[in-house]
Amino acid sequence: MVDPLMLLAFVPAALALNLTPGADMMFCLGQGIKSGPRAALAASAGISAGSFVHTTLAGLGLGALVATVPVAFEVIRWIGVGYLLWLAVQTLRHARRADVPATTPRRAFRAGLLVNLTNPKVILFVLAFVPQFVDPEAGPVLVQFLIFGVVMSLGGFVINGAVGVFAGGAGRRMAQGSRLLDYISASVFAGLAVRLAILERA
């Protein structure tokens, strides 16, 4: 089990990191603008699921392998770039068509999951951050990683979801039926792709 004092120290640190604007938050914002609050919450849930997967893999030691193998890092990164660009293109195509339905929550969840899983920076972050709070003498290391992963995932879901819901509600009220929402969303997705493409490994 996790030392209660260590968990108390981890919670505010994790929340502070979740509050820092990043790719996950921007993706939920883009989904909210494009398809509304329900899609934003679903995307946030997908991102949280991806974050938990990363934490589990780190606890199993697989994350360290990816972090130390340059080829694996690059493959994951460019898959993520390609997927984000594909989302941007699809959004622009929708902007040119009439009566295109908004992204369903299921698709938004899947998109959030894939965006998180194909961001190698998340792997490196988990490996750098979580082990600081893991005490091998307190119990199985994997169990501790899983507990910390749940905390991070729940905090991220609430914060990223709130940002997406606010963006979705405000955006729909201000520009109901406007193609501008799609163009803004496509710009967000493309910007995230560029950010991922030019990121440094360390």
C-alpha atoms as a PDB file:
ATOM      1  CA  MET A   1       0.000   0.000   0.000  1.00  0.00           C
ATOM      2  CA  VAL A   2       0.937   3.654  -0.294  1.00  0.00           C
ATOM      3  CA  ASP A   3       2.152   5.548   2.739  1.00  0.00           C
ATOM      4  CA  PRO A   4      -0.736   7.911   3.691  1.00  0.00           C
ATOM      5  CA  LEU A   5       1.660  10.830   4.143  1.00  0.00           C
ATOM      6  CA  MET A   6       3.165  10.176   0.727  1.00  0.00           C
ATOM      7  CA  LEU A   7      -0.324  10.096  -0.792  1.00  0.00           C
ATOM      8  CA  LEU A   8      -1.173  13.397   0.880  1.00  0.00           C
ATOM      9  CA  ALA A   9       1.935  14.898  -0.681  1.00  0.00           C
ATOM     10  CA  PHE A  10       1.150  13.382  -4.078  1.00  0.00           C
ATOM     11  CA  VAL A  11      -2.429  14.635  -4.416  1.00  0.00           C
ATOM     12  CA  PRO A  12      -1.717  18.404  -4.452  1.00  0.00           C
ATOM     13  CA  ALA A  13       1.359  17.868  -6.638  1.00  0.00           C
ATOM     14  CA  ALA A  14      -0.669  15.870  -9.153  1.00  0.00           C
ATOM     15  CA  LEU A  15      -3.496  18.416  -9.154  1.00  0.00           C
ATOM     16  CA  ALA A  16      -1.038  21.254  -9.721  1.00  0.00           C
ATOM     17  CA  LEU A  17       0.364  19.398 -12.722  1.00  0.00           C
ATOM     18  CA  ASN A  18      -3.120  18.651 -14.037  1.00  0.00           C
ATOM     19  CA  LEU A  19      -3.943  22.348 -13.822  1.00  0.00           C
ATOM     20  CA  THR A  20      -0.966  23.220 -16.016  1.00  0.00           C
ATOM     21  CA  PRO A  21      -2.215  23.812 -19.580  1.00  0.00           C
ATOM     22  CA  GLY A  22      -0.935  21.126 -21.915  1.00  0.00           C
ATOM     23  CA  ALA A  23      -1.797  18.932 -24.872  1.00  0.00           C
ATOM     24  CA  ASP A  24      -4.513  16.998 -23.008  1.00  0.00           C
ATOM     25  CA  MET A  25      -6.281  20.133 -21.850  1.00  0.00           C
ATOM     26  CA  MET A  26      -6.087  21.715 -25.289  1.00  0.00           C
ATOM     27  CA  PHE A  27      -7.452  18.565 -26.901  1.00  0.00           C
ATOM     28  CA  CYS A  28     -10.473  18.557 -24.577  1.00  0.00           C
ATOM     29  CA  LEU A  29     -10.964  22.244 -25.280  1.00  0.00           C
ATOM     30  CA  GLY A  30     -10.938  21.519 -29.008  1.00  0.00           C
ATOM     31  CA  GLN A  31     -13.426  18.669 -28.633  1.00  0.00           C
ATOM     32  CA  GLY A  32     -15.682  20.856 -26.525  1.00  0.00           C
ATOM     33  CA  ILE A  33     -15.675  23.647 -29.087  1.00  0.00           C
ATOM     34  CA  LYS A  34     -16.234  21.231 -31.962  1.00  0.00           C
ATOM     35  CA  SER A  35     -18.836  18.863 -30.515  1.00  0.00           C
ATOM     36  CA  GLY A  36     -20.068  20.179 -27.175  1.00  0.00           C
ATOM     37  CA  PRO A  37     -19.791  19.273 -23.464  1.00  0.00           C
ATOM     38  CA  ARG A  38     -20.606  15.568 -23.764  1.00  0.00           C
ATOM     39  CA  ALA A  39     -17.822  14.992 -26.280  1.00  0.00           C
ATOM     40  CA  ALA A  40     -15.440  16.999 -24.100  1.00  0.00           C
ATOM     41  CA  LEU A  41     -16.187  14.818 -21.069  1.00  0.00           C
ATOM     42  CA  ALA A  42     -15.792  11.673 -23.149  1.00  0.00           C
ATOM     43  CA  ALA A  43     -12.466  12.911 -24.532  1.00  0.00           C
ATOM     44  CA  SER A  44     -11.323  13.687 -20.986  1.00  0.00           C
ATOM     45  CA  ALA A  45     -12.300  10.167 -19.908  1.00  0.00           C
ATOM     46  CA  GLY A  46     -10.290   8.724 -22.806  1.00  0.00           C
ATOM     47  CA  ILE A  47      -7.269  10.805 -21.866  1.00  0.00           C
ATOM     48  CA  SER A  48      -7.563   9.675 -18.248  1.00  0.00           C
ATOM     49  CA  ALA A  49      -7.737   6.055 -19.365  1.00  0.00           C
ATOM     50  CA  GLY A  50      -4.606   6.579 -21.441  1.00  0.00           C
ATOM     51  CA  SER A  51      -2.844   8.172 -18.502  1.00  0.00           C
ATOM     52  CA  PHE A  52      -3.692   5.168 -16.349  1.00  0.00           C
ATOM     53  CA  VAL A  53      -2.316   2.844 -19.031  1.00  0.00           C
ATOM     54  CA  HIS A  54       0.934   4.827 -19.060  1.00  0.00           C
ATOM     55  CA  THR A  55       1.199   4.578 -15.279  1.00  0.00           C
ATOM     56  CA  THR A  56       0.531   0.842 -15.348  1.00  0.00           C
ATOM     57  CA  LEU A  57       3.187   0.298 -18.019  1.00  0.00           C
ATOM     58  CA  ALA A  58       5.643   2.376 -16.004  1.00  0.00           C
ATOM     59  CA  GLY A  59       4.944   0.221 -12.959  1.00  0.00           C
ATOM     60  CA  LEU A  60       5.586  -2.891 -15.044  1.00  0.00           C
ATOM     61  CA  GLY A  61       8.842  -1.444 -16.345  1.00  0.00           C
ATOM     62  CA  LEU A  62       7.752  -1.194 -19.988  1.00  0.00           C
ATOM     63  CA  GLY A  63       7.695   2.596 -19.888  1.00  0.00           C
ATOM     64  CA  ALA A  64      11.392   2.663 -19.032  1.00  0.00           C
ATOM     65  CA  LEU A  65      12.095   0.520 -22.080  1.00  0.00           C
ATOM     66  CA  VAL A  66      10.297   2.956 -24.382  1.00  0.00           C
ATOM     67  CA  ALA A  67      12.059   5.898 -22.770  1.00  0.00           C
ATOM     68  CA  THR A  68      15.487   4.382 -23.385  1.00  0.00           C
ATOM     69  CA  VAL A  69      14.893   3.146 -26.949  1.00  0.00           C
ATOM     70  CA  PRO A  70      15.017   6.122 -29.339  1.00  0.00           C
ATOM     71  CA  VAL A  71      13.289   4.266 -32.177  1.00  0.00           C
ATOM     72  CA  ALA A  72      10.282   3.385 -30.001  1.00  0.00           C
ATOM     73  CA  PHE A  73      10.012   6.980 -28.841  1.00  0.00           C
ATOM     74  CA  GLU A  74      10.079   8.307 -32.404  1.00  0.00           C
ATOM     75  CA  VAL A  75       7.557   5.766 -33.710  1.00  0.00           C
ATOM     76  CA  ILE A  76       5.059   6.653 -30.978  1.00  0.00           C
ATOM     77  CA  ARG A  77       5.626  10.362 -31.512  1.00  0.00           C
ATOM     78  CA  TRP A  78       5.038  10.298 -35.276  1.00  0.00           C
ATOM     79  CA  ILE A  79       1.966   8.116 -34.942  1.00  0.00           C
ATOM     80  CA  GLY A  80       0.598  10.804 -32.628  1.00  0.00           C
ATOM     81  CA  VAL A  81       1.499  13.571 -35.080  1.00  0.00           C
ATOM     82  CA  GLY A  82      -0.202  11.726 -37.909  1.00  0.00           C
ATOM     83  CA  TYR A  83      -3.346  11.078 -35.894  1.00  0.00           C
ATOM     84  CA  LEU A  84      -3.684  14.711 -34.805  1.00  0.00           C
ATOM     85  CA  LEU A  85      -3.205  15.924 -38.371  1.00  0.00           C
ATOM     86  CA  TRP A  86      -5.837  13.439 -39.520  1.00  0.00           C
ATOM     87  CA  LEU A  87      -8.253  14.865 -36.933  1.00  0.00           C
ATOM     88  CA  ALA A  88      -7.499  18.390 -38.162  1.00  0.00           C
ATOM     89  CA  VAL A  89      -8.122  17.432 -41.788  1.00  0.00           C
ATOM     90  CA  GLN A  90     -11.341  15.621 -40.961  1.00  0.00           C
ATOM     91  CA  THR A  91     -12.573  18.632 -39.007  1.00  0.00           C
ATOM     92  CA  LEU A  92     -11.818  20.952 -41.934  1.00  0.00           C
ATOM     93  CA  ARG A  93     -13.638  18.619 -44.297  1.00  0.00           C
ATOM     94  CA  HIS A  94     -16.655  18.697 -42.003  1.00  0.00           C
ATOM     95  CA  ALA A  95     -16.523  22.492 -41.941  1.00  0.00           C
ATOM     96  CA  ARG A  96     -17.135  22.518 -45.692  1.00  0.00           C
ATOM     97  CA  ARG A  97     -20.156  20.247 -45.467  1.00  0.00           C
ATOM     98  CA  ALA A  98     -23.629  21.001 -44.214  1.00  0.00           C
ATOM     99  CA  ASP A  99     -25.500  19.138 -41.478  1.00  0.00           C
ATOM    100  CA  VAL A 100     -22.517  17.085 -40.308  1.00  0.00           C
ATOM    101  CA  PRO A 101     -23.269  15.569 -36.892  1.00  0.00           C
ATOM    102  CA  ALA A 102     -21.009  16.367 -33.968  1.00  0.00           C
ATOM    103  CA  THR A 103     -18.476  13.820 -32.775  1.00  0.00           C
ATOM    104  CA  THR A 104     -20.182  11.165 -30.673  1.00  0.00           C
ATOM    105  CA  PRO A 105     -19.000  10.602 -27.085  1.00  0.00           C
ATOM    106  CA  ARG A 106     -17.717   7.161 -28.077  1.00  0.00           C
ATOM    107  CA  ARG A 107     -15.544   8.588 -30.828  1.00  0.00           C
ATOM    108  CA  ALA A 108     -14.388  11.417 -28.587  1.00  0.00           C
ATOM    109  CA  PHE A 109     -13.354   8.888 -25.923  1.00  0.00           C
ATOM    110  CA  ARG A 110     -11.430   6.856 -28.481  1.00  0.00           C
ATOM    111  CA  ALA A 111      -9.753   9.974 -29.851  1.00  0.00           C
ATOM    112  CA  GLY A 112      -8.718  11.133 -26.368  1.00  0.00           C
ATOM    113  CA  LEU A 113      -7.333   7.691 -25.572  1.00  0.00           C
ATOM    114  CA  LEU A 114      -5.288   7.545 -28.780  1.00  0.00           C
ATOM    115  CA  VAL A 115      -3.992  11.096 -28.422  1.00  0.00           C
ATOM    116  CA  ASN A 116      -2.752  10.343 -24.903  1.00  0.00           C
ATOM    117  CA  LEU A 117      -1.276   6.936 -25.735  1.00  0.00           C
ATOM    118  CA  THR A 118       0.640   8.329 -28.732  1.00  0.00           C
ATOM    119  CA  ASN A 119       2.226  11.175 -26.761  1.00  0.00           C
ATOM    120  CA  PRO A 120       5.665   9.874 -25.677  1.00  0.00           C
ATOM    121  CA  LYS A 121       6.130  12.877 -23.414  1.00  0.00           C
ATOM    122  CA  VAL A 122       3.493  11.376 -21.118  1.00  0.00           C
ATOM    123  CA  ILE A 123       5.647   8.269 -20.750  1.00  0.00           C
ATOM    124  CA  LEU A 124       8.686  10.341 -19.828  1.00  0.00           C
ATOM    125  CA  PHE A 125       6.645  12.484 -17.447  1.00  0.00           C
ATOM    126  CA  VAL A 126       5.229   9.484 -15.589  1.00  0.00           C
ATOM    127  CA  LEU A 127       8.701   7.970 -15.270  1.00  0.00           C
ATOM    128  CA  ALA A 128      10.120  11.228 -13.925  1.00  0.00           C
ATOM    129  CA  PHE A 129       7.264  12.191 -11.594  1.00  0.00           C
ATOM    130  CA  VAL A 130       5.610   9.137 -10.059  1.00  0.00           C
ATOM    131  CA  PRO A 131       8.719   7.248  -8.831  1.00  0.00           C
ATOM    132  CA  GLN A 132       9.503  10.159  -6.515  1.00  0.00           C
ATOM    133  CA  PHE A 133       6.536   9.065  -4.403  1.00  0.00           C
ATOM    134  CA  VAL A 134       7.061   5.300  -4.618  1.00  0.00           C
ATOM    135  CA  ASP A 135       8.570   3.584  -1.581  1.00  0.00           C
ATOM    136  CA  PRO A 136       9.624  -0.042  -2.257  1.00  0.00           C
ATOM    137  CA  GLU A 137       9.437  -0.730   1.477  1.00  0.00           C
ATOM    138  CA  ALA A 138       5.776   0.310   1.621  1.00  0.00           C
ATOM    139  CA  GLY A 139       4.574  -2.592  -0.534  1.00  0.00           C
ATOM    140  CA  PRO A 140       4.473  -3.809  -4.141  1.00  0.00           C
ATOM    141  CA  VAL A 141       5.748  -1.114  -6.484  1.00  0.00           C
ATOM    142  CA  LEU A 142       3.132  -1.888  -9.164  1.00  0.00           C
ATOM    143  CA  VAL A 143       0.291  -1.420  -6.665  1.00  0.00           C
ATOM    144  CA  GLN A 144       1.687   1.966  -5.686  1.00  0.00           C
ATOM    145  CA  PHE A 145       1.959   2.995  -9.346  1.00  0.00           C
ATOM    146  CA  LEU A 146      -1.651   1.954  -9.886  1.00  0.00           C
ATOM    147  CA  ILE A 147      -2.870   3.968  -6.890  1.00  0.00           C
ATOM    148  CA  PHE A 148      -0.989   7.054  -8.019  1.00  0.00           C
ATOM    149  CA  GLY A 149      -2.266   6.454 -11.547  1.00  0.00           C
ATOM    150  CA  VAL A 150      -5.871   6.481 -10.320  1.00  0.00           C
ATOM    151  CA  VAL A 151      -5.282   9.763  -8.493  1.00  0.00           C
ATOM    152  CA  MET A 152      -3.711  11.385 -11.551  1.00  0.00           C
ATOM    153  CA  SER A 153      -6.397  10.067 -13.875  1.00  0.00           C
ATOM    154  CA  LEU A 154      -9.287  11.260 -11.715  1.00  0.00           C
ATOM    155  CA  GLY A 155      -7.749  14.698 -11.254  1.00  0.00           C
ATOM    156  CA  GLY A 156      -7.065  15.008 -14.957  1.00  0.00           C
ATOM    157  CA  PHE A 157     -10.590  13.902 -15.845  1.00  0.00           C
ATOM    158  CA  VAL A 158     -12.175  16.554 -13.634  1.00  0.00           C
ATOM    159  CA  ILE A 159      -9.907  19.402 -14.724  1.00  0.00           C
ATOM    160  CA  ASN A 160      -9.692  18.655 -18.444  1.00  0.00           C
ATOM    161  CA  GLY A 161     -13.380  17.787 -18.539  1.00  0.00           C
ATOM    162  CA  ALA A 162     -14.294  21.082 -16.883  1.00  0.00           C
ATOM    163  CA  VAL A 163     -12.251  23.029 -19.427  1.00  0.00           C
ATOM    164  CA  GLY A 164     -13.871  21.168 -22.311  1.00  0.00           C
ATOM    165  CA  VAL A 165     -17.392  21.556 -20.921  1.00  0.00           C
ATOM    166  CA  PHE A 166     -16.919  25.278 -20.426  1.00  0.00           C
ATOM    167  CA  ALA A 167     -15.491  25.684 -23.935  1.00  0.00           C
ATOM    168  CA  GLY A 168     -18.300  23.606 -25.397  1.00  0.00           C
ATOM    169  CA  GLY A 169     -21.079  25.466 -23.638  1.00  0.00           C
ATOM    170  CA  ALA A 170     -19.659  28.912 -24.305  1.00  0.00           C
ATOM    171  CA  GLY A 171     -18.720  28.113 -27.888  1.00  0.00           C
ATOM    172  CA  ARG A 172     -22.133  26.738 -28.776  1.00  0.00           C
ATOM    173  CA  ARG A 173     -23.893  29.733 -27.261  1.00  0.00           C
ATOM    174  CA  MET A 174     -21.692  32.245 -29.060  1.00  0.00           C
ATOM    175  CA  ALA A 175     -21.548  30.588 -32.466  1.00  0.00           C
ATOM    176  CA  GLN A 176     -24.370  28.114 -32.837  1.00  0.00           C
ATOM    177  CA  GLY A 177     -24.215  26.529 -36.263  1.00  0.00           C
ATOM    178  CA  SER A 178     -21.137  28.480 -37.281  1.00  0.00           C
ATOM    179  CA  ARG A 179     -18.331  26.851 -39.265  1.00  0.00           C
ATOM    180  CA  LEU A 180     -15.943  28.969 -37.212  1.00  0.00           C
ATOM    181  CA  LEU A 181     -16.087  26.319 -34.469  1.00  0.00           C
ATOM    182  CA  ASP A 182     -14.737  23.690 -36.833  1.00  0.00           C
ATOM    183  CA  TYR A 183     -11.943  25.938 -38.023  1.00  0.00           C
ATOM    184  CA  ILE A 184     -10.951  26.723 -34.440  1.00  0.00           C
ATOM    185  CA  SER A 185     -10.986  23.028 -33.532  1.00  0.00           C
ATOM    186  CA  ALA A 186      -8.928  22.105 -36.593  1.00  0.00           C
ATOM    187  CA  SER A 187      -6.392  24.775 -35.645  1.00  0.00           C
ATOM    188  CA  VAL A 188      -6.141  23.318 -32.131  1.00  0.00           C
ATOM    189  CA  PHE A 189      -5.554  19.794 -33.457  1.00  0.00           C
ATOM    190  CA  ALA A 190      -3.006  20.983 -36.033  1.00  0.00           C
ATOM    191  CA  GLY A 191      -1.221  23.051 -33.402  1.00  0.00           C
ATOM    192  CA  LEU A 192      -0.967  20.025 -31.128  1.00  0.00           C
ATOM    193  CA  ALA A 193       0.463  17.999 -34.019  1.00  0.00           C
ATOM    194  CA  VAL A 194       3.137  20.650 -34.651  1.00  0.00           C
ATOM    195  CA  ARG A 195       3.919  20.815 -30.948  1.00  0.00           C
ATOM    196  CA  LEU A 196       4.379  17.051 -30.795  1.00  0.00           C
ATOM    197  CA  ALA A 197       6.460  17.030 -33.988  1.00  0.00           C
ATOM    198  CA  ILE A 198       8.996  19.564 -32.698  1.00  0.00           C
ATOM    199  CA  LEU A 199       9.204  18.462 -29.075  1.00  0.00           C
ATOM    200  CA  GLU A 200      12.583  17.559 -27.637  1.00  0.00           C
ATOM    201  CA  ARG A 201      13.133  14.074 -26.271  1.00  0.00           C
ATOM    202  CA  ALA A 202      14.287  15.279 -22.845  1.00  0.00           C
END
